[in-house]
PDB file of N, CA and C in Angstrom:
ATOM      1  N   MET A   1     125.984 121.212  78.258  1.00  0.00           N
ATOM      2  CA  MET A   1     125.128 120.271  78.943  1.00  0.00           C
ATOM      3  C   MET A   1     125.429 120.224  80.438  1.00  0.00           C
ATOM      4  N   ASN A   2     126.714 120.308  80.776  1.00  0.00           N
ATOM      5  CA  ASN A   2     127.113 120.283  82.175  1.00  0.00           C
ATOM      6  C   ASN A   2     126.553 121.490  82.926  1.00  0.00           C
ATOM      7  N   GLU A   3     126.533 122.633  82.283  1.00  0.00           N
ATOM      8  CA  GLU A   3     126.000 123.845  82.909  1.00  0.00           C
ATOM      9  C   GLU A   3     124.498 123.717  83.153  1.00  0.00           C
ATOM     10  N   LEU A   4     123.781 123.079  82.243  1.00  0.00           N
ATOM     11  CA  LEU A   4     122.344 122.868  82.397  1.00  0.00           C
ATOM     12  C   LEU A   4     122.046 121.949  83.577  1.00  0.00           C
ATOM     13  N   ILE A   5     122.822 120.891  83.716  1.00  0.00           N
ATOM     14  CA  ILE A   5     122.638 119.959  84.833  1.00  0.00           C
ATOM     15  C   ILE A   5     122.900 120.661  86.152  1.00  0.00           C
ATOM     16  N   ASN A   6     123.947 121.470  86.226  1.00  0.00           N
ATOM     17  CA  ASN A   6     124.244 122.209  87.454  1.00  0.00           C
ATOM     18  C   ASN A   6     123.125 123.175  87.800  1.00  0.00           C
ATOM     19  N   THR A   7     122.591 123.874  86.808  1.00  0.00           N
ATOM     20  CA  THR A   7     121.514 124.829  87.062  1.00  0.00           C
ATOM     21  C   THR A   7     120.258 124.119  87.565  1.00  0.00           C
ATOM     22  N   ILE A   8     119.909 123.017  86.924  1.00  0.00           N
ATOM     23  CA  ILE A   8     118.720 122.274  87.349  1.00  0.00           C
ATOM     24  C   ILE A   8     118.906 121.703  88.750  1.00  0.00           C
ATOM     25  N   ALA A   9     120.092 121.206  89.067  1.00  0.00           N
ATOM     26  CA  ALA A   9     120.355 120.665  90.400  1.00  0.00           C
ATOM     27  C   ALA A   9     120.260 121.758  91.464  1.00  0.00           C
ATOM     28  N   ILE A  10     120.750 122.946  91.167  1.00  0.00           N
ATOM     29  CA  ILE A  10     120.664 124.048  92.128  1.00  0.00           C
ATOM     30  C   ILE A  10     119.214 124.460  92.344  1.00  0.00           C
ATOM     31  N   VAL A  11     118.434 124.528  91.278  1.00  0.00           N
ATOM     32  CA  VAL A  11     117.011 124.859  91.416  1.00  0.00           C
ATOM     33  C   VAL A  11     116.302 123.794  92.253  1.00  0.00           C
ATOM     34  N   CYS A  12     116.619 122.540  92.014  1.00  0.00           N
ATOM     35  CA  CYS A  12     116.015 121.460  92.800  1.00  0.00           C
ATOM     36  C   CYS A  12     116.411 121.546  94.269  1.00  0.00           C
ATOM     37  N   MET A  13     117.663 121.915  94.548  1.00  0.00           N
ATOM     38  CA  MET A  13     118.088 122.073  95.935  1.00  0.00           C
ATOM     39  C   MET A  13     117.325 123.192  96.627  1.00  0.00           C
ATOM     40  N   ILE A  14     117.053 124.270  95.911  1.00  0.00           N
ATOM     41  CA  ILE A  14     116.275 125.369  96.493  1.00  0.00           C
ATOM     42  C   ILE A  14     114.860 124.904  96.811  1.00  0.00           C
ATOM     43  N   VAL A  15     114.260 124.154  95.900  1.00  0.00           N
ATOM     44  CA  VAL A  15     112.897 123.653  96.120  1.00  0.00           C
ATOM     45  C   VAL A  15     112.864 122.682  97.302  1.00  0.00           C
ATOM     46  N   VAL A  16     113.843 121.804  97.397  1.00  0.00           N
ATOM     47  CA  VAL A  16     113.894 120.849  98.506  1.00  0.00           C
ATOM     48  C   VAL A  16     114.123 121.585  99.824  1.00  0.00           C
ATOM     49  N   THR A  17     114.918 122.637  99.819  1.00  0.00           N
ATOM     50  CA  THR A  17     115.140 123.432 101.025  1.00  0.00           C
ATOM     51  C   THR A  17     113.850 124.084 101.490  1.00  0.00           C
ATOM     52  N   ILE A  18     113.074 124.614 100.572  1.00  0.00           N
ATOM     53  CA  ILE A  18     111.780 125.197 100.922  1.00  0.00           C
ATOM     54  C   ILE A  18     110.857 124.124 101.489  1.00  0.00           C
ATOM     55  N   SER A  19     110.882 122.947 100.899  1.00  0.00           N
ATOM     56  CA  SER A  19     110.071 121.837 101.388  1.00  0.00           C
ATOM     57  C   SER A  19     110.463 121.448 102.810  1.00  0.00           C
ATOM     58  N   ILE A  20     111.751 121.401 103.098  1.00  0.00           N
ATOM     59  CA  ILE A  20     112.216 121.062 104.442  1.00  0.00           C
ATOM     60  C   ILE A  20     111.771 122.127 105.437  1.00  0.00           C
ATOM     61  N   ALA A  21     111.823 123.398 105.046  1.00  0.00           N
ATOM     62  CA  ALA A  21     111.381 124.476 105.943  1.00  0.00           C
ATOM     63  C   ALA A  21     109.894 124.344 106.260  1.00  0.00           C
ATOM     64  N   LEU A  22     109.086 124.044 105.268  1.00  0.00           N
ATOM     65  CA  LEU A  22     107.656 123.873 105.499  1.00  0.00           C
ATOM     66  C   LEU A  22     107.376 122.638 106.361  1.00  0.00           C
ATOM     67  N   LEU A  23     108.135 121.571 106.139  1.00  0.00           N
ATOM     68  CA  LEU A  23     107.958 120.378 106.962  1.00  0.00           C
ATOM     69  C   LEU A  23     108.402 120.612 108.398  1.00  0.00           C
ATOM     70  N   LEU A  24     109.421 121.415 108.597  1.00  0.00           N
ATOM     71  CA  LEU A  24     109.835 121.764 109.956  1.00  0.00           C
ATOM     72  C   LEU A  24     108.723 122.509 110.683  1.00  0.00           C
ATOM     73  N   PHE A  25     108.034 123.376 109.964  1.00  0.00           N
ATOM     74  CA  PHE A  25     106.889 124.073 110.545  1.00  0.00           C
ATOM     75  C   PHE A  25     105.821 123.066 110.967  1.00  0.00           C
ATOM     76  N   ARG A  26     105.594 122.024 110.142  1.00  0.00           N
ATOM     77  CA  ARG A  26     104.595 121.001 110.471  1.00  0.00           C
ATOM     78  C   ARG A  26     105.036 120.172 111.662  1.00  0.00           C
ATOM     79  N   VAL A  27     106.329 119.921 111.790  1.00  0.00           N
ATOM     80  CA  VAL A  27     106.830 119.165 112.938  1.00  0.00           C
ATOM     81  C   VAL A  27     106.611 119.960 114.221  1.00  0.00           C
ATOM     82  N   ILE A  28     106.840 121.252 114.179  1.00  0.00           N
ATOM     83  CA  ILE A  28     106.694 122.080 115.373  1.00  0.00           C
ATOM     84  C   ILE A  28     105.226 122.325 115.708  1.00  0.00           C
ATOM     85  N   LYS A  29     104.413 122.636 114.714  1.00  0.00           N
ATOM     86  CA  LYS A  29     103.040 123.042 114.958  1.00  0.00           C
ATOM     87  C   LYS A  29     102.027 121.919 114.778  1.00  0.00           C
ATOM     88  N   GLY A  30     102.444 120.785 114.240  1.00  0.00           N
ATOM     89  CA  GLY A  30     101.526 119.698 113.882  1.00  0.00           C
ATOM     90  C   GLY A  30     100.424 119.457 114.901  1.00  0.00           C
ATOM     91  N   PRO A  31      99.200 119.275 114.441  1.00  0.00           N
ATOM     92  CA  PRO A  31      98.098 119.107 115.388  1.00  0.00           C
ATOM     93  C   PRO A  31      98.168 117.790 116.172  1.00  0.00           C
ATOM     94  N   THR A  32      98.686 116.726 115.573  1.00  0.00           N
ATOM     95  CA  THR A  32      98.774 115.443 116.277  1.00  0.00           C
ATOM     96  C   THR A  32     100.175 114.860 116.119  1.00  0.00           C
ATOM     97  N   ASN A  33     100.462 113.890 116.967  1.00  0.00           N
ATOM     98  CA  ASN A  33     101.773 113.244 116.894  1.00  0.00           C
ATOM     99  C   ASN A  33     101.981 112.458 115.602  1.00  0.00           C
ATOM    100  N   PRO A  34     100.970 111.757 115.063  1.00  0.00           N
ATOM    101  CA  PRO A  34     101.203 111.097 113.772  1.00  0.00           C
ATOM    102  C   PRO A  34     101.528 112.081 112.645  1.00  0.00           C
ATOM    103  N   ASP A  35     100.947 113.290 112.687  1.00  0.00           N
ATOM    104  CA  ASP A  35     101.307 114.307 111.690  1.00  0.00           C
ATOM    105  C   ASP A  35     102.773 114.690 111.815  1.00  0.00           C
ATOM    106  N   ARG A  36     103.234 114.790 113.024  1.00  0.00           N
ATOM    107  CA  ARG A  36     104.649 115.116 113.246  1.00  0.00           C
ATOM    108  C   ARG A  36     105.551 113.988 112.750  1.00  0.00           C
ATOM    109  N   ALA A  37     105.117 112.736 112.973  1.00  0.00           N
ATOM    110  CA  ALA A  37     105.915 111.589 112.532  1.00  0.00           C
ATOM    111  C   ALA A  37     106.023 111.553 111.007  1.00  0.00           C
ATOM    112  N   VAL A  38     104.929 111.815 110.327  1.00  0.00           N
ATOM    113  CA  VAL A  38     104.954 111.828 108.862  1.00  0.00           C
ATOM    114  C   VAL A  38     105.844 112.958 108.362  1.00  0.00           C
ATOM    115  N   ALA A  39     105.789 114.113 109.010  1.00  0.00           N
ATOM    116  CA  ALA A  39     106.635 115.237 108.602  1.00  0.00           C
ATOM    117  C   ALA A  39     108.111 114.905 108.815  1.00  0.00           C
ATOM    118  N   LEU A  40     108.436 114.226 109.908  1.00  0.00           N
ATOM    119  CA  LEU A  40     109.831 113.827 110.135  1.00  0.00           C
ATOM    120  C   LEU A  40     110.302 112.841 109.074  1.00  0.00           C
ATOM    121  N   ASP A  41     109.438 111.909 108.683  1.00  0.00           N
ATOM    122  CA  ASP A  41     109.796 110.975 107.611  1.00  0.00           C
ATOM    123  C   ASP A  41     110.043 111.725 106.307  1.00  0.00           C
ATOM    124  N   ALA A  42     109.186 112.681 106.015  1.00  0.00           N
ATOM    125  CA  ALA A  42     109.341 113.449 104.777  1.00  0.00           C
ATOM    126  C   ALA A  42     110.622 114.281 104.805  1.00  0.00           C
ATOM    127  N   ILE A  43     110.987 114.791 105.976  1.00  0.00           N
ATOM    128  CA  ILE A  43     112.248 115.527 106.091  1.00  0.00           C
ATOM    129  C   ILE A  43     113.420 114.595 105.792  1.00  0.00           C
ATOM    130  N   GLY A  44     113.357 113.370 106.305  1.00  0.00           N
ATOM    131  CA  GLY A  44     114.417 112.401 106.025  1.00  0.00           C
ATOM    132  C   GLY A  44     114.539 112.082 104.548  1.00  0.00           C
ATOM    133  N   VAL A  45     113.407 111.924 103.875  1.00  0.00           N
ATOM    134  CA  VAL A  45     113.437 111.657 102.439  1.00  0.00           C
ATOM    135  C   VAL A  45     114.014 112.859 101.692  1.00  0.00           C
ATOM    136  N   ASN A  46     113.643 114.055 102.128  1.00  0.00           N
ATOM    137  CA  ASN A  46     114.195 115.261 101.502  1.00  0.00           C
ATOM    138  C   ASN A  46     115.706 115.365 101.741  1.00  0.00           C
ATOM    139  N   LEU A  47     116.174 114.961 102.918  1.00  0.00           N
ATOM    140  CA  LEU A  47     117.617 114.966 103.175  1.00  0.00           C
ATOM    141  C   LEU A  47     118.346 113.976 102.268  1.00  0.00           C
ATOM    142  N   MET A  48     117.712 112.834 102.008  1.00  0.00           N
ATOM    143  CA  MET A  48     118.301 111.881 101.070  1.00  0.00           C
ATOM    144  C   MET A  48     118.383 112.500  99.674  1.00  0.00           C
ATOM    145  N   GLY A  49     117.355 113.223  99.298  1.00  0.00           N
ATOM    146  CA  GLY A  49     117.365 113.905  98.008  1.00  0.00           C
ATOM    147  C   GLY A  49     118.440 114.976  97.936  1.00  0.00           C
ATOM    148  N   MET A  50     118.620 115.707  99.032  1.00  0.00           N
ATOM    149  CA  MET A  50     119.673 116.734  99.063  1.00  0.00           C
ATOM    150  C   MET A  50     121.049 116.100  98.917  1.00  0.00           C
ATOM    151  N   ALA A  51     121.253 114.957  99.562  1.00  0.00           N
ATOM    152  CA  ALA A  51     122.541 114.274  99.428  1.00  0.00           C
ATOM    153  C   ALA A  51     122.742 113.801  97.990  1.00  0.00           C
ATOM    154  N   GLY A  52     121.677 113.326  97.361  1.00  0.00           N
ATOM    155  CA  GLY A  52     121.774 112.911  95.958  1.00  0.00           C
ATOM    156  C   GLY A  52     122.072 114.072  95.034  1.00  0.00           C
ATOM    157  N   LEU A  53     121.401 115.194  95.273  1.00  0.00           N
ATOM    158  CA  LEU A  53     121.674 116.384  94.458  1.00  0.00           C
ATOM    159  C   LEU A  53     123.093 116.902  94.681  1.00  0.00           C
ATOM    160  N   SER A  54     123.566 116.806  95.918  1.00  0.00           N
ATOM    161  CA  SER A  54     124.943 117.222  96.197  1.00  0.00           C
ATOM    162  C   SER A  54     125.933 116.310  95.465  1.00  0.00           C
ATOM    163  N   ALA A  55     125.620 115.024  95.393  1.00  0.00           N
ATOM    164  CA  ALA A  55     126.488 114.095  94.666  1.00  0.00           C
ATOM    165  C   ALA A  55     126.514 114.433  93.177  1.00  0.00           C
ATOM    166  N   ILE A  56     125.371 114.874  92.647  1.00  0.00           N
ATOM    167  CA  ILE A  56     125.337 115.273  91.237  1.00  0.00           C
ATOM    168  C   ILE A  56     126.178 116.530  91.029  1.00  0.00           C
ATOM    169  N   LEU A  57     126.039 117.501  91.926  1.00  0.00           N
ATOM    170  CA  LEU A  57     126.797 118.747  91.778  1.00  0.00           C
ATOM    171  C   LEU A  57     128.296 118.540  91.942  1.00  0.00           C
ATOM    172  N   LEU A  58     128.671 117.653  92.863  1.00  0.00           N
ATOM    173  CA  LEU A  58     130.091 117.415  93.124  1.00  0.00           C
ATOM    174  C   LEU A  58     130.688 116.355  92.192  1.00  0.00           C
ATOM    175  N   VAL A  59     129.865 115.728  91.378  1.00  0.00           N
ATOM    176  CA  VAL A  59     130.264 114.669  90.444  1.00  0.00           C
ATOM    177  C   VAL A  59     131.078 113.604  91.184  1.00  0.00           C
ATOM    178  N   THR A  60     130.426 112.981  92.167  1.00  0.00           N
ATOM    179  CA  THR A  60     131.069 111.942  92.957  1.00  0.00           C
ATOM    180  C   THR A  60     130.051 110.865  93.309  1.00  0.00           C
ATOM    181  N   THR A  61     130.549 109.686  93.609  1.00  0.00           N
ATOM    182  CA  THR A  61     129.678 108.608  94.077  1.00  0.00           C
ATOM    183  C   THR A  61     129.896 108.330  95.559  1.00  0.00           C
ATOM    184  N   ARG A  62     130.711 109.117  96.194  1.00  0.00           N
ATOM    185  CA  ARG A  62     131.030 108.879  97.604  1.00  0.00           C
ATOM    186  C   ARG A  62     129.871 109.205  98.544  1.00  0.00           C
ATOM    187  N   LEU A  63     128.896 109.945  98.086  1.00  0.00           N
ATOM    188  CA  LEU A  63     127.752 110.279  98.930  1.00  0.00           C
ATOM    189  C   LEU A  63     126.683 109.189  98.917  1.00  0.00           C
ATOM    190  N   ASN A  64     126.871 108.142  98.118  1.00  0.00           N
ATOM    191  CA  ASN A  64     125.900 107.058  98.096  1.00  0.00           C
ATOM    192  C   ASN A  64     125.798 106.367  99.451  1.00  0.00           C
ATOM    193  N   ASP A  65     126.917 106.231 100.147  1.00  0.00           N
ATOM    194  CA  ASP A  65     126.901 105.642 101.484  1.00  0.00           C
ATOM    195  C   ASP A  65     126.111 106.508 102.452  1.00  0.00           C
ATOM    196  N   VAL A  66     126.226 107.806 102.320  1.00  0.00           N
ATOM    197  CA  VAL A  66     125.475 108.732 103.175  1.00  0.00           C
ATOM    198  C   VAL A  66     123.980 108.581 102.927  1.00  0.00           C
ATOM    199  N   ILE A  67     123.603 108.448 101.670  1.00  0.00           N
ATOM    200  CA  ILE A  67     122.184 108.278 101.327  1.00  0.00           C
ATOM    201  C   ILE A  67     121.646 106.984 101.933  1.00  0.00           C
ATOM    202  N   LEU A  68     122.405 105.902 101.824  1.00  0.00           N
ATOM    203  CA  LEU A  68     121.980 104.633 102.416  1.00  0.00           C
ATOM    204  C   LEU A  68     121.896 104.720 103.934  1.00  0.00           C
ATOM    205  N   LEU A  69     122.844 105.379 104.559  1.00  0.00           N
ATOM    206  CA  LEU A  69     122.835 105.528 106.010  1.00  0.00           C
ATOM    207  C   LEU A  69     121.625 106.333 106.472  1.00  0.00           C
ATOM    208  N   ILE A  70     121.315 107.404 105.783  1.00  0.00           N
ATOM    209  CA  ILE A  70     120.131 108.191 106.131  1.00  0.00           C
ATOM    210  C   ILE A  70     118.875 107.330 105.990  1.00  0.00           C
ATOM    211  N   GLY A  71     118.798 106.532 104.933  1.00  0.00           N
ATOM    212  CA  GLY A  71     117.646 105.668 104.729  1.00  0.00           C
ATOM    213  C   GLY A  71     117.481 104.633 105.829  1.00  0.00           C
ATOM    214  N   ILE A  72     118.577 104.022 106.244  1.00  0.00           N
ATOM    215  CA  ILE A  72     118.520 103.017 107.311  1.00  0.00           C
ATOM    216  C   ILE A  72     118.112 103.658 108.627  1.00  0.00           C
ATOM    217  N   LEU A  73     118.731 104.779 108.970  1.00  0.00           N
ATOM    218  CA  LEU A  73     118.371 105.465 110.218  1.00  0.00           C
ATOM    219  C   LEU A  73     116.928 105.952 110.191  1.00  0.00           C
ATOM    220  N   LEU A  74     116.482 106.392 109.042  1.00  0.00           N
ATOM    221  CA  LEU A  74     115.102 106.849 108.901  1.00  0.00           C
ATOM    222  C   LEU A  74     114.130 105.692 109.128  1.00  0.00           C
ATOM    223  N   PHE A  75     114.447 104.534 108.580  1.00  0.00           N
ATOM    224  CA  PHE A  75     113.583 103.368 108.772  1.00  0.00           C
ATOM    225  C   PHE A  75     113.519 102.956 110.230  1.00  0.00           C
ATOM    226  N   VAL A  76     114.666 102.866 110.890  1.00  0.00           N
ATOM    227  CA  VAL A  76     114.697 102.467 112.297  1.00  0.00           C
ATOM    228  C   VAL A  76     113.951 103.493 113.160  1.00  0.00           C
ATOM    229  N   GLY A  77     114.146 104.756 112.880  1.00  0.00           N
ATOM    230  CA  GLY A  77     113.450 105.801 113.627  1.00  0.00           C
ATOM    231  C   GLY A  77     111.946 105.757 113.412  1.00  0.00           C
ATOM    232  N   THR A  78     111.523 105.479 112.198  1.00  0.00           N
ATOM    233  CA  THR A  78     110.093 105.392 111.901  1.00  0.00           C
ATOM    234  C   THR A  78     109.458 104.213 112.626  1.00  0.00           C
ATOM    235  N   VAL A  79     110.127 103.079 112.636  1.00  0.00           N
ATOM    236  CA  VAL A  79     109.598 101.909 113.333  1.00  0.00           C
ATOM    237  C   VAL A  79     109.512 102.190 114.834  1.00  0.00           C
ATOM    238  N   GLY A  80     110.543 102.792 115.398  1.00  0.00           N
ATOM    239  CA  GLY A  80     110.528 103.118 116.827  1.00  0.00           C
ATOM    240  C   GLY A  80     109.446 104.125 117.178  1.00  0.00           C
ATOM    241  N   LEU A  81     109.293 105.144 116.359  1.00  0.00           N
ATOM    242  CA  LEU A  81     108.274 106.160 116.623  1.00  0.00           C
ATOM    243  C   LEU A  81     106.872 105.583 116.471  1.00  0.00           C
ATOM    244  N   ALA A  82     106.666 104.717 115.481  1.00  0.00           N
ATOM    245  CA  ALA A  82     105.361 104.092 115.301  1.00  0.00           C
ATOM    246  C   ALA A  82     105.023 103.196 116.489  1.00  0.00           C
ATOM    247  N   LYS A  83     106.003 102.462 116.974  1.00  0.00           N
ATOM    248  CA  LYS A  83     105.768 101.607 118.135  1.00  0.00           C
ATOM    249  C   LYS A  83     105.467 102.447 119.368  1.00  0.00           C
ATOM    250  N   TYR A  84     106.161 103.536 119.534  1.00  0.00           N
ATOM    251  CA  TYR A  84     105.908 104.419 120.676  1.00  0.00           C
ATOM    252  C   TYR A  84     104.512 105.027 120.600  1.00  0.00           C
ATOM    253  N   LEU A  85     104.109 105.466 119.405  1.00  0.00           N
ATOM    254  CA  LEU A  85     102.780 106.058 119.263  1.00  0.00           C
ATOM    255  C   LEU A  85     101.681 105.022 119.479  1.00  0.00           C
ATOM    256  N   GLU A  86     101.951 103.769 119.125  1.00  0.00           N
ATOM    257  CA  GLU A  86     100.931 102.730 119.271  1.00  0.00           C
ATOM    258  C   GLU A  86     100.819 102.224 120.697  1.00  0.00           C
ATOM    259  N   LYS A  87     101.960 101.914 121.342  1.00  0.00           N
ATOM    260  CA  LYS A  87     101.929 101.270 122.649  1.00  0.00           C
ATOM    261  C   LYS A  87     102.356 102.170 123.801  1.00  0.00           C
ATOM    262  N   GLY A  88     103.071 103.239 123.522  1.00  0.00           N
ATOM    263  CA  GLY A  88     103.539 104.118 124.585  1.00  0.00           C
ATOM    264  C   GLY A  88     104.929 103.775 125.090  1.00  0.00           C
ATOM    265  N   VAL A  89     105.466 102.631 124.680  1.00  0.00           N
ATOM    266  CA  VAL A  89     106.836 102.238 125.020  1.00  0.00           C
ATOM    267  C   VAL A  89     107.510 101.732 123.749  1.00  0.00           C
ATOM    268  N   ILE A  90     108.825 101.787 123.745  1.00  0.00           N
ATOM    269  CA  ILE A  90     109.552 101.303 122.580  1.00  0.00           C
ATOM    270  C   ILE A  90     110.065  99.883 122.824  1.00  0.00           C
ATOM    271  N   ILE A  91     110.606  99.621 124.002  1.00  0.00           N
ATOM    272  CA  ILE A  91     111.142  98.305 124.325  1.00  0.00           C
ATOM    273  C   ILE A  91     110.226  97.663 125.368  1.00  0.00           C
ATOM    274  N   ASP A  92     109.614  96.526 125.005  1.00  0.00           N
ATOM    275  CA  ASP A  92     108.748  95.799 125.931  1.00  0.00           C
ATOM    276  C   ASP A  92     109.616  94.963 126.854  1.00  0.00           C
ATOM    277  N   ARG A  93     109.345  95.061 128.143  1.00  0.00           N
ATOM    278  CA  ARG A  93     110.090  94.254 129.115  1.00  0.00           C
ATOM    279  C   ARG A  93     109.111  93.455 129.937  1.00  0.00           C
ATOM    280  N   ASP A  94     109.384  92.166 130.017  1.00  0.00           N
ATOM    281  CA  ASP A  94     108.559  91.299 130.848  1.00  0.00           C
ATOM    282  C   ASP A  94     109.217  91.171 132.213  1.00  0.00           C
ATOM    283  N   ASP A  95     108.509  91.560 133.252  1.00  0.00           N
ATOM    284  CA  ASP A  95     109.050  91.500 134.624  1.00  0.00           C
ATOM    285  C   ASP A  95     108.478  90.313 135.367  1.00  0.00           C
ATOM    286  N   ASP A  96     108.521  89.139 134.721  1.00  0.00           N
ATOM    287  CA  ASP A  96     107.968  87.925 135.363  1.00  0.00           C
ATOM    288  C   ASP A  96     108.937  87.302 136.290  1.00  0.00           C
TER     289      ASP A  96
END
């Protein structure tokens, strides 16, 4: 059973790697900035999946903190990028 889990995890890692490569192409070539933002979010989710698969392969729970950290940074980055795309600035300053 352990060998089956390892094989499936390795196959999943290969598929996620291919997905990240295709998303990188979309980030570079994307026709609009929102397309690039969505591709960056998807890359972050795929990185979280890779960390989870690595935790399964290494039989450890120590990568759970890494997964949470990637999720938090991804959320903050998405909010900042969305604000930049909407208003053109990230931090509003009142010069009154």
